[in-house]
Amino acid sequence: MNRKQMLEWVQALGFVVVDMQLYLDTHPCDEDALAYYKASVENYKNAKKKYEEHFGPLSAMNSLDCDRWAWADTPLPWEGVR
């Protein structure tokens, strides 16, 4: 996947996670939904990690592991590819 495709994938997975949270708020005993939610959270975390390894942090909070402030070194997620 290129940068745009990977970002769209991360955003789609993030949407699924939030949507499942809302569903579970009204269907807390749905075991299949809970299992799907847990799998979706793992997929989101993995996709986000892979994106950040290739293209840099998705938020400034995720850029704290570096020795210098590098948040603005790459295009910001909402800026698109430079």
Protein backbone atom coordinates (compact mmCIF):
# COMPACT_ATOMS: atom_id res chain seq x y z
CA MET A 1 0.00 0.00 0.00
CA ASN A 2 1.14 3.52 -0.64
CA ARG A 3 0.88 6.26 1.99
CA LYS A 4 -2.61 7.42 1.00
CA GLN A 5 -4.00 3.89 0.90
CA MET A 6 -2.45 3.02 4.24
CA LEU A 7 -3.80 6.19 5.88
CA GLU A 8 -7.27 5.45 4.51
CA TRP A 9 -7.00 1.90 5.88
CA VAL A 10 -6.04 3.19 9.35
CA GLN A 11 -8.94 5.66 9.25
CA ALA A 12 -11.40 2.95 8.15
CA LEU A 13 -10.29 0.64 10.95
CA GLY A 14 -10.59 3.50 13.44
CA PHE A 15 -14.15 4.07 12.25
CA VAL A 16 -14.96 0.38 12.73
CA VAL A 17 -13.64 0.50 16.30
CA VAL A 18 -15.75 3.54 17.20
CA ASP A 19 -18.81 2.09 15.45
CA MET A 20 -18.44 -1.16 17.39
CA GLN A 21 -18.09 0.78 20.65
CA LEU A 22 -21.41 2.46 19.94
CA TYR A 23 -23.03 -0.86 19.05
CA LEU A 24 -21.74 -2.48 22.22
CA ASP A 25 -23.16 0.40 24.26
CA THR A 26 -26.61 -0.80 23.24
CA HIS A 27 -25.85 -4.54 22.89
CA PRO A 28 -23.42 -5.31 25.74
CA CYS A 29 -24.22 -9.05 25.80
CA ASP A 30 -23.48 -9.67 22.10
CA GLU A 31 -20.46 -11.97 22.36
CA ASP A 32 -19.86 -12.03 18.60
CA ALA A 33 -19.79 -8.24 18.51
CA LEU A 34 -17.38 -8.13 21.44
CA ALA A 35 -15.06 -10.59 19.69
CA TYR A 36 -15.27 -8.51 16.50
CA TYR A 37 -14.53 -5.35 18.48
CA LYS A 38 -11.44 -6.91 20.06
CA ALA A 39 -10.18 -8.11 16.66
CA SER A 40 -10.89 -4.66 15.18
CA VAL A 41 -8.89 -2.94 17.93
CA GLU A 42 -5.93 -5.24 17.25
CA ASN A 43 -6.20 -4.63 13.50
CA TYR A 44 -6.32 -0.88 14.11
CA LYS A 45 -3.28 -0.94 16.40
CA ASN A 46 -1.30 -3.01 13.91
CA ALA A 47 -2.24 -0.82 10.95
CA LYS A 48 -1.43 2.36 12.89
CA LYS A 49 1.92 0.96 13.96
CA LYS A 50 2.77 -0.09 10.41
CA TYR A 51 1.79 3.35 9.07
CA GLU A 52 3.91 5.13 11.66
CA GLU A 53 6.91 2.88 10.98
CA HIS A 54 6.78 3.77 7.28
CA PHE A 55 5.49 7.34 7.22
CA GLY A 56 5.90 8.87 10.67
CA PRO A 57 3.57 9.56 13.58
CA LEU A 58 -0.15 10.13 13.10
CA SER A 59 -0.28 12.51 16.06
CA ALA A 60 2.22 14.63 17.93
CA MET A 61 1.80 12.40 21.01
CA ASN A 62 3.28 9.53 19.01
CA SER A 63 6.46 11.43 18.22
CA LEU A 64 7.79 11.46 21.77
CA ASP A 65 10.07 8.45 21.27
CA CYS A 66 12.59 10.47 19.29
CA ASP A 67 15.59 12.50 20.46
CA ARG A 68 14.35 15.68 18.84
CA TRP A 69 11.02 17.17 17.81
CA ALA A 70 10.43 15.51 14.44
CA TRP A 71 6.65 15.82 14.21
CA ALA A 72 6.80 18.27 11.31
CA ASP A 73 9.55 16.45 9.38
CA THR A 74 7.05 14.45 7.35
CA PRO A 75 3.79 15.64 5.83
CA LEU A 76 1.11 15.82 8.47
CA PRO A 77 -1.56 13.14 8.02
CA TRP A 78 -4.15 15.63 6.77
CA GLU A 79 -1.76 17.31 4.31
CA GLY A 80 -1.46 14.43 1.90
CA VAL A 81 1.70 13.37 0.12
CA ARG A 82 4.23 16.10 -0.66
